[in-house]
Each structure stands twice: as C-alpha cells, then as structure tokens.
Amino acid sequence: MSGPRTSAIWVHLPCCGAHASLNDLDYDWPMGFARFEIGVLNARRARYELDESELHEVGRLMGHPVRQVLAHY
C-alpha cells in the first residue's frame, strides 16, 4: 500500500556509512513514522486488520489519510 510520504528525513546508515532518505529505504514490512499512534483492539472481531473502507473512514475523521502498520513483536 502506498501512503502519504514524509518530508525527506536524511540519516547516516551505520552499515555502509552512506546518507539516505528514510523515504528511499526498502523495508521488509510496511512501516511508518508518526508523532502518535492509534491502537485498535476488538477481541470479538474475526480479523485484526482494518479493511480499506475502515481506514478511509478513520482518515476522513482525522482529516488526513492514515496508514495501517501492524506490530510484529
């Protein structure tokens, strides 16, 4: 899923010493950078992800597109 991009955030990569934008790195899982998180929990639900219509509704209520990033612990 492609989501809203952040402004370029440049970082020093310790693996090779290069400088790169976080936007241009290739991540294994969908990832996101945020100032806050919204956790959704409903034990009676069969699926744990929000579907596209639910994500759209959350974005509409927030006034900004949202992206779902599932936690992997």
Foldseek 3Di string as FASTA:
>chain_A
DDFDDDPFDWDQDPVPRDIDTPRPDDDPFDDDDDPDDDDDDDVVDPDDDDDPVRQVVVCVVVVHRDDDGDDDD
